[in-house]
Amino acid sequence: MITVAELIAELQRLDPAMIAIVQKDGEGNGYSPLAGVDVGFYAAKNTWSGDVSEDEIPDSTPCIILFPVN
């Protein structure tokens, strides 16, 4: 689990213009502690979902990804 202090430290090293993406759980519901933070490129499929890649993909934007323990 990541604490608020650890999350702040991670965020401070990143470009503040990046969008934030939340990875959803397998069931699409429930709550889980934050497991980690990663960076990548986000390509929206629509207004509520899209794809993330470690490599830049067409029509993507740099992003920070917040992912759950479960």
N, C-alpha and C. Protein backbone atom coordinates (compact mmCIF):
# COMPACT_ATOMS: atom_id res chain seq x y z
N MET A 1 0.84 -1.18 0.00
CA MET A 1 0.00 0.00 0.00
C MET A 1 0.88 1.24 0.00
N ILE A 2 0.40 2.26 -0.66
CA ILE A 2 1.12 3.53 -0.76
C ILE A 2 0.48 4.54 0.18
N THR A 3 1.29 5.24 0.91
CA THR A 3 0.78 6.29 1.80
C THR A 3 0.63 7.60 1.03
N VAL A 4 -0.06 8.54 1.61
CA VAL A 4 -0.21 9.86 0.98
C VAL A 4 1.16 10.50 0.78
N ALA A 5 2.04 10.39 1.77
CA ALA A 5 3.39 10.97 1.64
C ALA A 5 4.15 10.36 0.47
N GLU A 6 4.03 9.05 0.30
CA GLU A 6 4.71 8.38 -0.83
C GLU A 6 4.10 8.82 -2.16
N LEU A 7 2.77 8.96 -2.19
CA LEU A 7 2.11 9.40 -3.41
C LEU A 7 2.53 10.83 -3.77
N ILE A 8 2.58 11.70 -2.79
CA ILE A 8 3.01 13.08 -3.03
C ILE A 8 4.43 13.11 -3.59
N ALA A 9 5.33 12.30 -3.02
CA ALA A 9 6.71 12.25 -3.51
C ALA A 9 6.76 11.80 -4.96
N GLU A 10 5.96 10.79 -5.31
CA GLU A 10 5.91 10.32 -6.70
C GLU A 10 5.37 11.41 -7.63
N LEU A 11 4.30 12.07 -7.22
CA LEU A 11 3.68 13.10 -8.05
C LEU A 11 4.60 14.29 -8.26
N GLN A 12 5.39 14.65 -7.27
CA GLN A 12 6.26 15.82 -7.38
C GLN A 12 7.36 15.63 -8.42
N ARG A 13 7.69 14.42 -8.76
CA ARG A 13 8.76 14.19 -9.74
C ARG A 13 8.22 14.17 -11.19
N LEU A 14 6.90 14.27 -11.34
CA LEU A 14 6.28 14.17 -12.66
C LEU A 14 5.82 15.52 -13.18
N ASP A 15 5.61 15.56 -14.48
CA ASP A 15 5.09 16.75 -15.15
C ASP A 15 3.65 17.00 -14.67
N PRO A 16 3.37 18.16 -14.08
CA PRO A 16 2.02 18.41 -13.56
C PRO A 16 0.95 18.51 -14.64
N ALA A 17 1.34 18.56 -15.90
CA ALA A 17 0.36 18.62 -16.99
C ALA A 17 -0.13 17.23 -17.41
N MET A 18 0.50 16.16 -16.89
CA MET A 18 0.08 14.80 -17.25
C MET A 18 -1.33 14.54 -16.74
N ILE A 19 -2.08 13.74 -17.51
CA ILE A 19 -3.39 13.33 -17.03
C ILE A 19 -3.22 12.15 -16.07
N ALA A 20 -4.19 11.97 -15.18
CA ALA A 20 -4.15 10.86 -14.23
C ALA A 20 -5.16 9.80 -14.67
N ILE A 21 -4.68 8.57 -14.76
CA ILE A 21 -5.51 7.44 -15.16
C ILE A 21 -5.60 6.47 -13.99
N VAL A 22 -6.79 5.99 -13.70
CA VAL A 22 -7.00 5.03 -12.64
C VAL A 22 -7.30 3.68 -13.28
N GLN A 23 -6.50 2.68 -12.91
CA GLN A 23 -6.73 1.33 -13.41
C GLN A 23 -7.88 0.72 -12.63
N LYS A 24 -8.90 0.20 -13.31
CA LYS A 24 -10.03 -0.38 -12.60
C LYS A 24 -9.76 -1.85 -12.27
N ASP A 25 -10.49 -2.35 -11.27
CA ASP A 25 -10.30 -3.74 -10.88
C ASP A 25 -10.97 -4.67 -11.88
N GLY A 26 -10.68 -5.95 -11.76
CA GLY A 26 -11.21 -6.93 -12.70
C GLY A 26 -12.72 -7.01 -12.74
N GLU A 27 -13.36 -6.77 -11.59
CA GLU A 27 -14.82 -6.82 -11.51
C GLU A 27 -15.46 -5.49 -11.86
N GLY A 28 -14.67 -4.43 -11.89
CA GLY A 28 -15.22 -3.11 -12.19
C GLY A 28 -15.94 -2.47 -11.03
N ASN A 29 -15.71 -3.00 -9.81
CA ASN A 29 -16.36 -2.40 -8.66
C ASN A 29 -15.52 -2.62 -7.41
N GLY A 30 -15.96 -2.10 -6.30
CA GLY A 30 -15.26 -2.27 -5.04
C GLY A 30 -14.15 -1.25 -4.86
N TYR A 31 -13.44 -1.41 -3.75
CA TYR A 31 -12.38 -0.48 -3.40
C TYR A 31 -11.13 -1.27 -3.03
N SER A 32 -9.98 -0.68 -3.29
CA SER A 32 -8.72 -1.34 -2.99
C SER A 32 -7.68 -0.27 -2.67
N PRO A 33 -6.74 -0.56 -1.77
CA PRO A 33 -5.67 0.40 -1.52
C PRO A 33 -4.83 0.63 -2.78
N LEU A 34 -4.20 1.76 -2.83
CA LEU A 34 -3.31 2.07 -3.95
C LEU A 34 -2.05 1.23 -3.82
N ALA A 35 -1.71 0.49 -4.88
CA ALA A 35 -0.53 -0.37 -4.87
C ALA A 35 0.68 0.34 -5.44
N GLY A 36 0.46 1.21 -6.41
CA GLY A 36 1.60 1.87 -7.01
C GLY A 36 1.22 2.89 -8.06
N VAL A 37 2.26 3.50 -8.58
CA VAL A 37 2.14 4.55 -9.58
C VAL A 37 3.09 4.22 -10.71
N ASP A 38 2.65 4.41 -11.94
CA ASP A 38 3.49 4.18 -13.10
C ASP A 38 3.23 5.31 -14.09
N VAL A 39 4.03 5.40 -15.11
CA VAL A 39 3.80 6.38 -16.17
C VAL A 39 3.69 5.64 -17.49
N GLY A 40 2.99 6.24 -18.43
CA GLY A 40 2.81 5.63 -19.73
C GLY A 40 2.14 6.61 -20.67
N PHE A 41 1.49 6.07 -21.67
CA PHE A 41 0.77 6.86 -22.66
C PHE A 41 -0.66 6.35 -22.74
N TYR A 42 -1.61 7.27 -22.69
CA TYR A 42 -3.03 6.92 -22.70
C TYR A 42 -3.66 7.32 -24.02
N ALA A 43 -4.38 6.38 -24.63
CA ALA A 43 -5.14 6.64 -25.85
C ALA A 43 -6.61 6.35 -25.55
N ALA A 44 -7.42 7.38 -25.55
CA ALA A 44 -8.85 7.22 -25.23
C ALA A 44 -9.57 6.49 -26.35
N LYS A 45 -10.44 5.55 -25.97
CA LYS A 45 -11.33 4.89 -26.92
C LYS A 45 -12.65 5.65 -26.98
N ASN A 46 -13.02 6.24 -25.83
CA ASN A 46 -14.25 7.03 -25.71
C ASN A 46 -14.06 7.94 -24.51
N THR A 47 -15.12 8.54 -24.00
CA THR A 47 -14.97 9.49 -22.90
C THR A 47 -14.76 8.82 -21.55
N TRP A 48 -14.93 7.49 -21.44
CA TRP A 48 -14.79 6.83 -20.15
C TRP A 48 -13.76 5.71 -20.10
N SER A 49 -13.10 5.37 -21.21
CA SER A 49 -12.09 4.32 -21.17
C SER A 49 -11.13 4.43 -22.34
N GLY A 50 -10.03 3.70 -22.22
CA GLY A 50 -9.03 3.71 -23.27
C GLY A 50 -7.95 2.69 -22.99
N ASP A 51 -6.83 2.83 -23.68
CA ASP A 51 -5.70 1.91 -23.54
C ASP A 51 -4.48 2.66 -23.04
N VAL A 52 -3.64 1.95 -22.30
CA VAL A 52 -2.38 2.50 -21.81
C VAL A 52 -1.24 1.65 -22.33
N SER A 53 -0.16 2.29 -22.69
CA SER A 53 1.03 1.59 -23.18
C SER A 53 2.27 2.22 -22.57
N GLU A 54 3.32 1.41 -22.43
CA GLU A 54 4.60 1.96 -21.98
C GLU A 54 5.25 2.79 -23.08
N ASP A 55 4.93 2.45 -24.33
CA ASP A 55 5.46 3.16 -25.49
C ASP A 55 4.41 4.09 -26.06
N GLU A 56 4.87 5.19 -26.63
CA GLU A 56 3.93 6.13 -27.24
C GLU A 56 3.19 5.46 -28.38
N ILE A 57 1.87 5.62 -28.39
CA ILE A 57 1.03 5.07 -29.43
C ILE A 57 0.28 6.22 -30.10
N PRO A 58 -0.23 6.02 -31.33
CA PRO A 58 -0.92 7.10 -32.02
C PRO A 58 -2.06 7.69 -31.18
N ASP A 59 -2.18 8.99 -31.24
CA ASP A 59 -3.24 9.73 -30.54
C ASP A 59 -3.21 9.52 -29.02
N SER A 60 -2.02 9.32 -28.47
CA SER A 60 -1.90 9.13 -27.02
C SER A 60 -1.32 10.36 -26.36
N THR A 61 -1.46 10.42 -25.07
CA THR A 61 -0.92 11.51 -24.28
C THR A 61 -0.20 10.93 -23.07
N PRO A 62 0.89 11.57 -22.61
CA PRO A 62 1.58 11.06 -21.43
C PRO A 62 0.63 11.07 -20.23
N CYS A 63 0.77 10.05 -19.39
CA CYS A 63 -0.12 9.95 -18.24
C CYS A 63 0.57 9.29 -17.05
N ILE A 64 -0.02 9.49 -15.91
CA ILE A 64 0.36 8.77 -14.70
C ILE A 64 -0.76 7.75 -14.47
N ILE A 65 -0.38 6.54 -14.09
CA ILE A 65 -1.35 5.47 -13.87
C ILE A 65 -1.32 5.10 -12.39
N LEU A 66 -2.48 5.12 -11.77
CA LEU A 66 -2.62 4.71 -10.37
C LEU A 66 -3.25 3.32 -10.39
N PHE A 67 -2.58 2.34 -9.78
CA PHE A 67 -3.13 0.99 -9.85
C PHE A 67 -3.36 0.40 -8.46
N PRO A 68 -4.46 -0.40 -8.34
CA PRO A 68 -4.87 -0.93 -7.05
C PRO A 68 -4.12 -2.21 -6.67
N VAL A 69 -4.18 -2.54 -5.37
CA VAL A 69 -3.62 -3.80 -4.89
C VAL A 69 -4.38 -4.96 -5.53
N ASN A 70 -5.70 -4.84 -5.63
CA ASN A 70 -6.53 -5.91 -6.16
C ASN A 70 -7.40 -5.43 -7.28
